[in-house]
Amino acid sequence: MPVTPEELTWFGDRYQAIAGNIERVIQGKRHSVELVVTSLVAEGHVLIEDVPGVGKTLLAKSLARSIDCSFQRIQFTPDLLPSDVTGVSVWNRESGTFTFRAGPVFANVLLGDEINRASPKTQAALLEAMEERQVTVDGETHILDAPFIVIATQNPIEHEGTYPLPEAQLDRFMMRVTMGYPEREKELEMLQTHGEHSSFVDLKPVVHAEDVIRMSSIARDIHVADVLRTYLIDIAEATRTHPDILLGASPRATLFLQRSARALAAAHGRDFASPDDVKSILIPVLNHRLILRPEAQMRGTTVRDLLEQISASTPVPGTRAPR
């Protein structure tokens, strides 16, 4: 069903409202903020990976506070159990039956703080929820309410006491986002704004959970031309056949590229996705899925370098192939 101009205007107003509200707290990081909001309306999950103190957790909490919805936070630790995430069946003596007690995963926005500090078994407890929007405990399936987004954070430089996320779980995150240090002027502005009072305390919801569901529905109706789908497959195949890449992009990654490109197009007021939409989210969507060959790593080659090379060399629909 074609998206109407009125729907695009409505979508854009709420997209900008969420991003602008978060920017009241996270200053000077518009690109990172937009990537997280895009993942939200594209029905994906986000891994925020960066050094301590740059606002990873605050970004996730600000997104949750910008929406009138349920929010839960899990502080991942080595002793965290899968049942601490999904919930547990408790024996009810009065009724003589087991009653399911829902865990924190039953929320619209779930913050998994320092996710790589939990054991692989506990990390795996999120796999079904992230992919299928449901949780199975003791053979009984419980459906998660929409919208549902997992925002996980991790520190890439501290390895003691951590468990690297397996490829199967990394592949379930739509994007991996980095924050980076703020620019000098923005850090000065942050000192002035947060020096005496945190603006996060005053943050109020600007949209409802039902608005996010409708935004996701509009994004799904954004037109994607056959030539653009071919372009997506060309990019994916380029990662799978590149001599320096051991593990290329999965079919799920191609779907995520299409979904996020649709959401980005709607945010820009267009009823169709373009190659520029794909290029702008190519690195956040693919950078955590590819594994380089050892010899490429020894040469100092990075995944980002190869993705930029693939982006530049893959023919764009409607243009001549690069020479």
C-alpha atoms as a PDB file:
ATOM      1  CA  MET A   1       0.000   0.000   0.000  1.00  0.00           C
ATOM      2  CA  PRO A   2       1.585   3.331  -1.073  1.00  0.00           C
ATOM      3  CA  VAL A   3       2.584   5.751   1.677  1.00  0.00           C
ATOM      4  CA  THR A   4       0.723   9.057   1.530  1.00  0.00           C
ATOM      5  CA  PRO A   5       2.380  12.492   1.932  1.00  0.00           C
ATOM      6  CA  GLU A   6       0.375  12.993   5.137  1.00  0.00           C
ATOM      7  CA  GLU A   7       1.796   9.778   6.594  1.00  0.00           C
ATOM      8  CA  LEU A   8       5.338  10.832   5.682  1.00  0.00           C
ATOM      9  CA  THR A   9       4.834  14.208   7.356  1.00  0.00           C
ATOM     10  CA  TRP A  10       3.422  12.529  10.450  1.00  0.00           C
ATOM     11  CA  PHE A  11       6.340  10.061  10.479  1.00  0.00           C
ATOM     12  CA  GLY A  12       8.957  12.787  10.045  1.00  0.00           C
ATOM     13  CA  ASP A  13       7.512  14.931  12.827  1.00  0.00           C
ATOM     14  CA  ARG A  14       7.688  12.106  15.334  1.00  0.00           C
ATOM     15  CA  TYR A  15      11.088  10.885  14.157  1.00  0.00           C
ATOM     16  CA  GLN A  16      12.523  14.372  14.652  1.00  0.00           C
ATOM     17  CA  ALA A  17      10.724  14.708  17.990  1.00  0.00           C
ATOM     18  CA  ILE A  18      12.366  11.549  19.350  1.00  0.00           C
ATOM     19  CA  ALA A  19      15.819  12.432  17.991  1.00  0.00           C
ATOM     20  CA  GLY A  20      15.558  16.038  19.193  1.00  0.00           C
ATOM     21  CA  ASN A  21      14.457  14.952  22.644  1.00  0.00           C
ATOM     22  CA  ILE A  22      17.432  12.607  22.980  1.00  0.00           C
ATOM     23  CA  GLU A  23      19.755  15.380  21.797  1.00  0.00           C
ATOM     24  CA  ARG A  24      18.754  17.446  24.807  1.00  0.00           C
ATOM     25  CA  VAL A  25      20.841  14.942  26.784  1.00  0.00           C
ATOM     26  CA  ILE A  26      23.262  13.470  24.212  1.00  0.00           C
ATOM     27  CA  GLN A  27      24.774  16.562  22.612  1.00  0.00           C
ATOM     28  CA  GLY A  28      26.804  16.604  19.426  1.00  0.00           C
ATOM     29  CA  LYS A  29      26.024  13.008  18.459  1.00  0.00           C
ATOM     30  CA  ARG A  30      23.198  13.497  15.991  1.00  0.00           C
ATOM     31  CA  HIS A  31      24.362  10.704  13.690  1.00  0.00           C
ATOM     32  CA  SER A  32      24.511   8.122  16.495  1.00  0.00           C
ATOM     33  CA  VAL A  33      21.126   9.260  17.796  1.00  0.00           C
ATOM     34  CA  GLU A  34      19.524   8.941  14.354  1.00  0.00           C
ATOM     35  CA  LEU A  35      20.971   5.453  13.868  1.00  0.00           C
ATOM     36  CA  VAL A  36      19.362   4.275  17.119  1.00  0.00           C
ATOM     37  CA  VAL A  37      15.995   5.875  16.263  1.00  0.00           C
ATOM     38  CA  THR A  38      16.170   4.373  12.765  1.00  0.00           C
ATOM     39  CA  SER A  39      16.751   0.914  14.259  1.00  0.00           C
ATOM     40  CA  LEU A  40      13.778   1.428  16.564  1.00  0.00           C
ATOM     41  CA  VAL A  41      11.301   2.168  13.760  1.00  0.00           C
ATOM     42  CA  ALA A  42      12.909  -0.488  11.524  1.00  0.00           C
ATOM     43  CA  GLU A  43      12.175  -3.049  14.262  1.00  0.00           C
ATOM     44  CA  GLY A  44      15.822  -3.871  14.893  1.00  0.00           C
ATOM     45  CA  HIS A  45      18.173  -4.015  17.859  1.00  0.00           C
ATOM     46  CA  VAL A  46      21.297  -1.954  18.541  1.00  0.00           C
ATOM     47  CA  LEU A  47      24.721  -2.740  19.995  1.00  0.00           C
ATOM     48  CA  ILE A  48      26.437   0.418  21.250  1.00  0.00           C
ATOM     49  CA  GLU A  49      30.154  -0.249  21.544  1.00  0.00           C
ATOM     50  CA  ASP A  50      32.601   2.351  22.794  1.00  0.00           C
ATOM     51  CA  VAL A  51      34.936   3.342  25.595  1.00  0.00           C
ATOM     52  CA  PRO A  52      33.525   4.139  29.056  1.00  0.00           C
ATOM     53  CA  GLY A  53      31.967   7.504  29.789  1.00  0.00           C
ATOM     54  CA  VAL A  54      30.834   8.609  26.326  1.00  0.00           C
ATOM     55  CA  GLY A  55      27.100   8.221  26.976  1.00  0.00           C
ATOM     56  CA  LYS A  56      26.215   4.705  25.795  1.00  0.00           C
ATOM     57  CA  THR A  57      23.859   3.917  28.659  1.00  0.00           C
ATOM     58  CA  LEU A  58      22.488   7.451  28.765  1.00  0.00           C
ATOM     59  CA  LEU A  59      21.574   7.263  25.073  1.00  0.00           C
ATOM     60  CA  ALA A  60      19.566   4.094  25.642  1.00  0.00           C
ATOM     61  CA  LYS A  61      17.827   5.513  28.710  1.00  0.00           C
ATOM     62  CA  SER A  62      17.051   8.767  26.883  1.00  0.00           C
ATOM     63  CA  LEU A  63      15.423   6.842  24.028  1.00  0.00           C
ATOM     64  CA  ALA A  64      13.278   4.910  26.483  1.00  0.00           C
ATOM     65  CA  ARG A  65      12.264   8.070  28.318  1.00  0.00           C
ATOM     66  CA  SER A  66      11.331   9.765  25.027  1.00  0.00           C
ATOM     67  CA  ILE A  67       8.639   7.128  24.468  1.00  0.00           C
ATOM     68  CA  ASP A  68       5.656   6.507  26.718  1.00  0.00           C
ATOM     69  CA  CYS A  69       6.397   2.794  27.092  1.00  0.00           C
ATOM     70  CA  SER A  70       7.804   0.187  29.475  1.00  0.00           C
ATOM     71  CA  PHE A  71      11.552   0.111  30.122  1.00  0.00           C
ATOM     72  CA  GLN A  72      13.801  -2.388  31.875  1.00  0.00           C
ATOM     73  CA  ARG A  73      17.517  -2.452  32.483  1.00  0.00           C
ATOM     74  CA  ILE A  74      19.682  -5.520  33.048  1.00  0.00           C
ATOM     75  CA  GLN A  75      23.177  -5.074  34.412  1.00  0.00           C
ATOM     76  CA  PHE A  76      24.962  -8.066  32.928  1.00  0.00           C
ATOM     77  CA  THR A  77      27.376  -9.747  35.332  1.00  0.00           C
ATOM     78  CA  PRO A  78      29.168 -13.130  35.325  1.00  0.00           C
ATOM     79  CA  ASP A  79      26.690 -14.598  37.840  1.00  0.00           C
ATOM     80  CA  LEU A  80      23.561 -13.542  35.920  1.00  0.00           C
ATOM     81  CA  LEU A  81      21.324 -16.507  35.055  1.00  0.00           C
ATOM     82  CA  PRO A  82      19.137 -16.976  31.954  1.00  0.00           C
ATOM     83  CA  SER A  83      16.056 -16.961  34.193  1.00  0.00           C
ATOM     84  CA  ASP A  84      17.113 -13.519  35.460  1.00  0.00           C
ATOM     85  CA  VAL A  85      16.528 -12.316  31.896  1.00  0.00           C
ATOM     86  CA  THR A  86      13.538 -14.272  30.617  1.00  0.00           C
ATOM     87  CA  GLY A  87      11.654 -15.084  33.815  1.00  0.00           C
ATOM     88  CA  VAL A  88      10.885 -18.235  35.766  1.00  0.00           C
ATOM     89  CA  SER A  89       7.957 -20.524  36.577  1.00  0.00           C
ATOM     90  CA  VAL A  90       7.092 -20.380  40.288  1.00  0.00           C
ATOM     91  CA  TRP A  91       5.034 -22.997  42.128  1.00  0.00           C
ATOM     92  CA  ASN A  92       1.760 -21.603  43.410  1.00  0.00           C
ATOM     93  CA  ARG A  93       0.772 -23.571  46.511  1.00  0.00           C
ATOM     94  CA  GLU A  94      -2.791 -22.264  46.535  1.00  0.00           C
ATOM     95  CA  SER A  95      -3.658 -23.255  42.979  1.00  0.00           C
ATOM     96  CA  GLY A  96      -1.310 -26.219  42.821  1.00  0.00           C
ATOM     97  CA  THR A  97       0.132 -25.032  39.504  1.00  0.00           C
ATOM     98  CA  PHE A  98       3.195 -23.233  38.188  1.00  0.00           C
ATOM     99  CA  THR A  99       2.808 -19.506  37.547  1.00  0.00           C
ATOM    100  CA  PHE A 100       5.097 -17.701  35.135  1.00  0.00           C
ATOM    101  CA  ARG A 101       6.871 -14.692  36.596  1.00  0.00           C
ATOM    102  CA  ALA A 102       8.024 -12.518  33.707  1.00  0.00           C
ATOM    103  CA  GLY A 103      11.611 -11.313  33.591  1.00  0.00           C
ATOM    104  CA  PRO A 104      12.894  -7.891  32.502  1.00  0.00           C
ATOM    105  CA  VAL A 105      12.928  -8.938  28.825  1.00  0.00           C
ATOM    106  CA  PHE A 106       9.172  -8.259  28.855  1.00  0.00           C
ATOM    107  CA  ALA A 107       9.553  -4.551  28.151  1.00  0.00           C
ATOM    108  CA  ASN A 108       9.257  -2.307  25.107  1.00  0.00           C
ATOM    109  CA  VAL A 109      12.821  -1.026  25.533  1.00  0.00           C
ATOM    110  CA  LEU A 110      15.378  -3.352  27.138  1.00  0.00           C
ATOM    111  CA  LEU A 111      18.812  -2.028  28.063  1.00  0.00           C
ATOM    112  CA  GLY A 112      21.437  -4.750  28.380  1.00  0.00           C
ATOM    113  CA  ASP A 113      24.305  -2.903  30.044  1.00  0.00           C
ATOM    114  CA  GLU A 114      27.784  -4.398  29.525  1.00  0.00           C
ATOM    115  CA  ILE A 115      26.289  -7.434  27.813  1.00  0.00           C
ATOM    116  CA  ASN A 116      29.672  -9.082  27.255  1.00  0.00           C
ATOM    117  CA  ARG A 117      30.176  -9.541  31.023  1.00  0.00           C
ATOM    118  CA  ALA A 118      27.563 -12.307  31.201  1.00  0.00           C
ATOM    119  CA  SER A 119      28.259 -15.934  30.352  1.00  0.00           C
ATOM    120  CA  PRO A 120      27.445 -17.228  26.847  1.00  0.00           C
ATOM    121  CA  LYS A 121      24.526 -19.207  28.295  1.00  0.00           C
ATOM    122  CA  THR A 122      22.945 -16.044  29.682  1.00  0.00           C
ATOM    123  CA  GLN A 123      23.668 -14.095  26.505  1.00  0.00           C
ATOM    124  CA  ALA A 124      21.897 -16.833  24.554  1.00  0.00           C
ATOM    125  CA  ALA A 125      18.755 -16.249  26.604  1.00  0.00           C
ATOM    126  CA  LEU A 126      18.149 -13.173  24.459  1.00  0.00           C
ATOM    127  CA  LEU A 127      18.414 -14.924  21.095  1.00  0.00           C
ATOM    128  CA  GLU A 128      14.794 -16.068  20.802  1.00  0.00           C
ATOM    129  CA  ALA A 129      13.464 -12.759  22.100  1.00  0.00           C
ATOM    130  CA  MET A 130      15.532 -10.705  19.651  1.00  0.00           C
ATOM    131  CA  GLU A 131      14.683 -12.763  16.585  1.00  0.00           C
ATOM    132  CA  GLU A 132      11.140 -14.013  17.193  1.00  0.00           C
ATOM    133  CA  ARG A 133       9.749 -11.506  19.708  1.00  0.00           C
ATOM    134  CA  GLN A 134       8.827 -14.317  22.060  1.00  0.00           C
ATOM    135  CA  VAL A 135      10.205 -16.215  25.050  1.00  0.00           C
ATOM    136  CA  THR A 136       9.822 -19.939  25.714  1.00  0.00           C
ATOM    137  CA  VAL A 137      10.073 -21.072  29.345  1.00  0.00           C
ATOM    138  CA  ASP A 138       9.309 -24.652  30.427  1.00  0.00           C
ATOM    139  CA  GLY A 139       7.784 -25.408  27.042  1.00  0.00           C
ATOM    140  CA  GLU A 140       5.359 -22.480  27.154  1.00  0.00           C
ATOM    141  CA  THR A 141       5.734 -19.599  24.705  1.00  0.00           C
ATOM    142  CA  HIS A 142       5.102 -16.012  25.797  1.00  0.00           C
ATOM    143  CA  ILE A 143       4.745 -13.267  23.179  1.00  0.00           C
ATOM    144  CA  LEU A 144       6.535  -9.947  23.719  1.00  0.00           C
ATOM    145  CA  ASP A 145       4.593  -6.729  23.252  1.00  0.00           C
ATOM    146  CA  ALA A 146       5.433  -4.353  20.397  1.00  0.00           C
ATOM    147  CA  PRO A 147       7.441  -2.250  20.048  1.00  0.00           C
ATOM    148  CA  PHE A 148      10.430  -4.227  21.288  1.00  0.00           C
ATOM    149  CA  ILE A 149      14.054  -3.180  21.021  1.00  0.00           C
ATOM    150  CA  VAL A 150      17.178  -4.444  22.767  1.00  0.00           C
ATOM    151  CA  ILE A 151      19.881  -1.823  23.221  1.00  0.00           C
ATOM    152  CA  ALA A 152      23.063  -3.490  24.449  1.00  0.00           C
ATOM    153  CA  THR A 153      26.276  -1.773  25.456  1.00  0.00           C
ATOM    154  CA  GLN A 154      29.804  -3.084  25.711  1.00  0.00           C
ATOM    155  CA  ASN A 155      33.318  -1.795  26.254  1.00  0.00           C
ATOM    156  CA  PRO A 156      35.643  -2.863  23.393  1.00  0.00           C
ATOM    157  CA  ILE A 157      38.932  -2.311  25.210  1.00  0.00           C
ATOM    158  CA  GLU A 158      38.396  -4.205  28.467  1.00  0.00           C
ATOM    159  CA  HIS A 159      38.681  -7.959  27.976  1.00  0.00           C
ATOM    160  CA  GLU A 160      39.327  -9.328  31.478  1.00  0.00           C
ATOM    161  CA  GLY A 161      36.171 -10.893  32.883  1.00  0.00           C
ATOM    162  CA  THR A 162      34.263 -10.598  29.595  1.00  0.00           C
ATOM    163  CA  TYR A 163      32.804 -13.098  27.147  1.00  0.00           C
ATOM    164  CA  PRO A 164      32.877 -12.012  23.486  1.00  0.00           C
ATOM    165  CA  LEU A 165      29.465 -12.089  21.842  1.00  0.00           C
ATOM    166  CA  PRO A 166      29.128 -15.089  19.498  1.00  0.00           C
ATOM    167  CA  GLU A 167      28.537 -14.423  15.805  1.00  0.00           C
ATOM    168  CA  ALA A 168      24.984 -15.800  16.055  1.00  0.00           C
ATOM    169  CA  GLN A 169      24.055 -13.112  18.555  1.00  0.00           C
ATOM    170  CA  LEU A 170      25.989 -10.323  16.857  1.00  0.00           C
ATOM    171  CA  ASP A 171      24.068 -11.083  13.663  1.00  0.00           C
ATOM    172  CA  ARG A 172      20.780 -10.399  15.459  1.00  0.00           C
ATOM    173  CA  PHE A 173      21.723  -6.784  16.115  1.00  0.00           C
ATOM    174  CA  MET A 174      20.593  -4.588  13.240  1.00  0.00           C
ATOM    175  CA  MET A 175      23.340  -2.045  13.875  1.00  0.00           C
ATOM    176  CA  ARG A 176      26.502  -1.554  15.847  1.00  0.00           C
ATOM    177  CA  VAL A 177      26.856   2.099  16.792  1.00  0.00           C
ATOM    178  CA  THR A 178      29.893   3.916  18.178  1.00  0.00           C
ATOM    179  CA  MET A 179      29.666   7.185  20.055  1.00  0.00           C
ATOM    180  CA  GLY A 180      33.173   8.632  20.001  1.00  0.00           C
ATOM    181  CA  TYR A 181      34.410  11.584  21.999  1.00  0.00           C
ATOM    182  CA  PRO A 182      32.475  14.846  21.626  1.00  0.00           C
ATOM    183  CA  GLU A 183      33.865  17.831  19.774  1.00  0.00           C
ATOM    184  CA  ARG A 184      35.483  20.523  21.891  1.00  0.00           C
ATOM    185  CA  GLU A 185      32.556  22.970  21.579  1.00  0.00           C
ATOM    186  CA  LYS A 186      29.998  20.270  22.361  1.00  0.00           C
ATOM    187  CA  GLU A 187      31.924  19.090  25.404  1.00  0.00           C
ATOM    188  CA  LEU A 188      32.036  22.670  26.664  1.00  0.00           C
ATOM    189  CA  GLU A 189      28.285  22.919  26.089  1.00  0.00           C
ATOM    190  CA  MET A 190      27.854  19.652  27.984  1.00  0.00           C
ATOM    191  CA  LEU A 191      29.775  21.051  30.971  1.00  0.00           C
ATOM    192  CA  GLN A 192      27.552  24.106  30.997  1.00  0.00           C
ATOM    193  CA  THR A 193      24.337  22.096  30.637  1.00  0.00           C
ATOM    194  CA  HIS A 194      25.075  19.191  32.976  1.00  0.00           C
ATOM    195  CA  GLY A 195      27.353  20.960  35.433  1.00  0.00           C
ATOM    196  CA  GLU A 196      24.683  21.656  38.016  1.00  0.00           C
ATOM    197  CA  HIS A 197      21.628  19.761  36.789  1.00  0.00           C
ATOM    198  CA  SER A 198      21.244  16.788  34.458  1.00  0.00           C
ATOM    199  CA  SER A 199      18.832  17.457  31.606  1.00  0.00           C
ATOM    200  CA  PHE A 200      17.975  13.729  31.624  1.00  0.00           C
ATOM    201  CA  VAL A 201      15.948  14.243  34.800  1.00  0.00           C
ATOM    202  CA  ASP A 202      13.649  16.674  32.982  1.00  0.00           C
ATOM    203  CA  LEU A 203      13.190  14.470  29.901  1.00  0.00           C
ATOM    204  CA  LYS A 204       9.535  13.730  29.102  1.00  0.00           C
ATOM    205  CA  PRO A 205       7.941  11.353  26.559  1.00  0.00           C
ATOM    206  CA  VAL A 206       7.256  12.920  23.168  1.00  0.00           C
ATOM    207  CA  VAL A 207       5.555   9.913  21.504  1.00  0.00           C
ATOM    208  CA  HIS A 208       3.544   6.885  22.614  1.00  0.00           C
ATOM    209  CA  ALA A 209       4.335   3.223  22.039  1.00  0.00           C
ATOM    210  CA  GLU A 210       1.401   3.112  19.589  1.00  0.00           C
ATOM    211  CA  ASP A 211       3.097   5.881  17.576  1.00  0.00           C
ATOM    212  CA  VAL A 212       6.241   3.774  17.221  1.00  0.00           C
ATOM    213  CA  ILE A 213       4.170   0.798  16.036  1.00  0.00           C
ATOM    214  CA  ARG A 214       2.525   2.989  13.400  1.00  0.00           C
ATOM    215  CA  MET A 215       5.904   4.417  12.347  1.00  0.00           C
ATOM    216  CA  SER A 216       7.190   0.872  11.831  1.00  0.00           C
ATOM    217  CA  SER A 217       4.118   0.083   9.728  1.00  0.00           C
ATOM    218  CA  ILE A 218       4.719   3.145   7.541  1.00  0.00           C
ATOM    219  CA  ALA A 219       8.403   2.234   7.121  1.00  0.00           C
ATOM    220  CA  ARG A 220       7.455  -1.265   5.941  1.00  0.00           C
ATOM    221  CA  ASP A 221       5.370   0.296   3.127  1.00  0.00           C
ATOM    222  CA  ILE A 222       8.229   2.416   1.745  1.00  0.00           C
ATOM    223  CA  HIS A 223       8.863   1.353  -1.846  1.00  0.00           C
ATOM    224  CA  VAL A 224      12.051  -0.531  -2.682  1.00  0.00           C
ATOM    225  CA  ALA A 225      12.671  -0.905  -6.428  1.00  0.00           C
ATOM    226  CA  ASP A 226      13.894  -4.199  -7.866  1.00  0.00           C
ATOM    227  CA  VAL A 227      17.125  -2.551  -9.007  1.00  0.00           C
ATOM    228  CA  LEU A 228      17.790  -1.427  -5.432  1.00  0.00           C
ATOM    229  CA  ARG A 229      17.212  -4.952  -4.143  1.00  0.00           C
ATOM    230  CA  THR A 230      19.712  -6.155  -6.721  1.00  0.00           C
ATOM    231  CA  TYR A 231      22.130  -3.514  -5.436  1.00  0.00           C
ATOM    232  CA  LEU A 232      21.717  -4.871  -1.890  1.00  0.00           C
ATOM    233  CA  ILE A 233      22.475  -8.393  -3.068  1.00  0.00           C
ATOM    234  CA  ASP A 234      25.505  -7.165  -5.030  1.00  0.00           C
ATOM    235  CA  ILE A 235      26.901  -5.615  -1.847  1.00  0.00           C
ATOM    236  CA  ALA A 236      26.237  -8.766   0.186  1.00  0.00           C
ATOM    237  CA  GLU A 237      27.860 -10.997  -2.438  1.00  0.00           C
ATOM    238  CA  ALA A 238      30.869  -8.670  -2.594  1.00  0.00           C
ATOM    239  CA  THR A 239      31.466  -9.270   1.126  1.00  0.00           C
ATOM    240  CA  ARG A 240      31.124 -13.036   0.654  1.00  0.00           C
ATOM    241  CA  THR A 241      33.617 -13.256  -2.211  1.00  0.00           C
ATOM    242  CA  HIS A 242      36.186 -10.687  -1.094  1.00  0.00           C
ATOM    243  CA  PRO A 243      39.598 -12.355  -0.662  1.00  0.00           C
ATOM    244  CA  ASP A 244      40.246 -10.604   2.667  1.00  0.00           C
ATOM    245  CA  ILE A 245      36.897 -11.579   4.249  1.00  0.00           C
ATOM    246  CA  LEU A 246      36.460 -14.980   5.897  1.00  0.00           C
ATOM    247  CA  LEU A 247      32.775 -14.555   6.824  1.00  0.00           C
ATOM    248  CA  GLY A 248      30.583 -12.260   4.741  1.00  0.00           C
ATOM    249  CA  ALA A 249      27.154 -10.711   5.236  1.00  0.00           C
ATOM    250  CA  SER A 250      24.279 -13.074   5.993  1.00  0.00           C
ATOM    251  CA  PRO A 251      20.848 -12.974   4.316  1.00  0.00           C
ATOM    252  CA  ARG A 252      19.575 -11.468   7.580  1.00  0.00           C
ATOM    253  CA  ALA A 253      22.031  -8.621   7.062  1.00  0.00           C
ATOM    254  CA  THR A 254      20.570  -7.956   3.597  1.00  0.00           C
ATOM    255  CA  LEU A 255      17.072  -7.809   5.091  1.00  0.00           C
ATOM    256  CA  PHE A 256      18.309  -5.414   7.784  1.00  0.00           C
ATOM    257  CA  LEU A 257      19.852  -3.176   5.128  1.00  0.00           C
ATOM    258  CA  GLN A 258      16.520  -2.995   3.324  1.00  0.00           C
ATOM    259  CA  ARG A 259      14.495  -2.349   6.491  1.00  0.00           C
ATOM    260  CA  SER A 260      16.793   0.366   7.800  1.00  0.00           C
ATOM    261  CA  ALA A 261      16.991   2.015   4.350  1.00  0.00           C
ATOM    262  CA  ARG A 262      13.193   2.152   4.282  1.00  0.00           C
ATOM    263  CA  ALA A 263      13.054   3.765   7.726  1.00  0.00           C
ATOM    264  CA  LEU A 264      15.700   6.303   6.751  1.00  0.00           C
ATOM    265  CA  ALA A 265      13.853   7.193   3.551  1.00  0.00           C
ATOM    266  CA  ALA A 266      10.648   7.806   5.518  1.00  0.00           C
ATOM    267  CA  ALA A 267      12.576  10.014   7.960  1.00  0.00           C
ATOM    268  CA  HIS A 268      13.738  12.086   4.986  1.00  0.00           C
ATOM    269  CA  GLY A 269      10.184  12.447   3.700  1.00  0.00           C
ATOM    270  CA  ARG A 270      10.464  10.068   0.744  1.00  0.00           C
ATOM    271  CA  ASP A 271       8.135   7.187  -0.134  1.00  0.00           C
ATOM    272  CA  PHE A 272      10.982   5.255  -1.777  1.00  0.00           C
ATOM    273  CA  ALA A 273      14.408   4.052  -0.650  1.00  0.00           C
ATOM    274  CA  SER A 274      17.503   5.142  -2.574  1.00  0.00           C
ATOM    275  CA  PRO A 275      21.097   3.932  -2.943  1.00  0.00           C
ATOM    276  CA  ASP A 276      22.189   6.884  -0.766  1.00  0.00           C
ATOM    277  CA  ASP A 277      20.031   5.504   2.063  1.00  0.00           C
ATOM    278  CA  VAL A 278      21.817   2.163   1.736  1.00  0.00           C
ATOM    279  CA  LYS A 279      25.273   3.747   1.653  1.00  0.00           C
ATOM    280  CA  SER A 280      24.590   5.865   4.739  1.00  0.00           C
ATOM    281  CA  ILE A 281      23.773   2.826   6.902  1.00  0.00           C
ATOM    282  CA  LEU A 282      26.065   0.284   5.241  1.00  0.00           C
ATOM    283  CA  ILE A 283      28.843   0.411   7.845  1.00  0.00           C
ATOM    284  CA  PRO A 284      26.625   0.404  10.988  1.00  0.00           C
ATOM    285  CA  VAL A 285      24.621  -2.555   9.637  1.00  0.00           C
ATOM    286  CA  LEU A 286      27.538  -4.673   8.381  1.00  0.00           C
ATOM    287  CA  ASN A 287      30.611  -3.772  10.449  1.00  0.00           C
ATOM    288  CA  HIS A 288      29.929  -6.284  13.238  1.00  0.00           C
ATOM    289  CA  ARG A 289      29.010  -9.193  10.949  1.00  0.00           C
ATOM    290  CA  LEU A 290      32.166  -9.595   8.881  1.00  0.00           C
ATOM    291  CA  ILE A 291      35.215 -11.589   9.956  1.00  0.00           C
ATOM    292  CA  LEU A 292      38.539 -10.844   8.314  1.00  0.00           C
ATOM    293  CA  ARG A 293      41.091 -13.442   7.322  1.00  0.00           C
ATOM    294  CA  PRO A 294      44.146 -13.567   9.635  1.00  0.00           C
ATOM    295  CA  GLU A 295      46.509 -12.350   6.918  1.00  0.00           C
ATOM    296  CA  ALA A 296      44.308  -9.279   6.330  1.00  0.00           C
ATOM    297  CA  GLN A 297      44.315  -8.511  10.049  1.00  0.00           C
ATOM    298  CA  MET A 298      48.105  -8.798  10.117  1.00  0.00           C
ATOM    299  CA  ARG A 299      48.303  -6.177   7.357  1.00  0.00           C
ATOM    300  CA  GLY A 300      46.280  -3.807   9.527  1.00  0.00           C
ATOM    301  CA  THR A 301      43.195  -3.962   7.310  1.00  0.00           C
ATOM    302  CA  THR A 302      39.929  -3.109   9.078  1.00  0.00           C
ATOM    303  CA  VAL A 303      36.336  -4.093   8.317  1.00  0.00           C
ATOM    304  CA  ARG A 304      35.509  -0.434   7.814  1.00  0.00           C
ATOM    305  CA  ASP A 305      38.235  -0.114   5.170  1.00  0.00           C
ATOM    306  CA  LEU A 306      36.834  -3.053   3.221  1.00  0.00           C
ATOM    307  CA  LEU A 307      33.231  -1.849   3.481  1.00  0.00           C
ATOM    308  CA  GLU A 308      34.225   1.560   2.154  1.00  0.00           C
ATOM    309  CA  GLN A 309      36.065  -0.193  -0.684  1.00  0.00           C
ATOM    310  CA  ILE A 310      33.041  -2.391  -1.469  1.00  0.00           C
ATOM    311  CA  SER A 311      30.693   0.598  -1.319  1.00  0.00           C
ATOM    312  CA  ALA A 312      32.851   2.531  -3.771  1.00  0.00           C
ATOM    313  CA  SER A 313      33.323  -0.374  -6.211  1.00  0.00           C
ATOM    314  CA  THR A 314      29.780  -1.776  -6.326  1.00  0.00           C
ATOM    315  CA  PRO A 315      27.843  -0.304  -9.285  1.00  0.00           C
ATOM    316  CA  VAL A 316      24.987   1.942  -8.147  1.00  0.00           C
ATOM    317  CA  PRO A 317      21.639   1.533  -9.967  1.00  0.00           C
ATOM    318  CA  GLY A 318      21.296   4.067 -12.775  1.00  0.00           C
ATOM    319  CA  THR A 319      25.028   4.763 -13.039  1.00  0.00           C
ATOM    320  CA  ARG A 320      27.889   3.293 -14.974  1.00  0.00           C
ATOM    321  CA  ALA A 321      30.049   0.664 -13.375  1.00  0.00           C
ATOM    322  CA  PRO A 322      33.224   2.145 -11.854  1.00  0.00           C
ATOM    323  CA  ARG A 323      36.368   1.553 -13.858  1.00  0.00           C
END
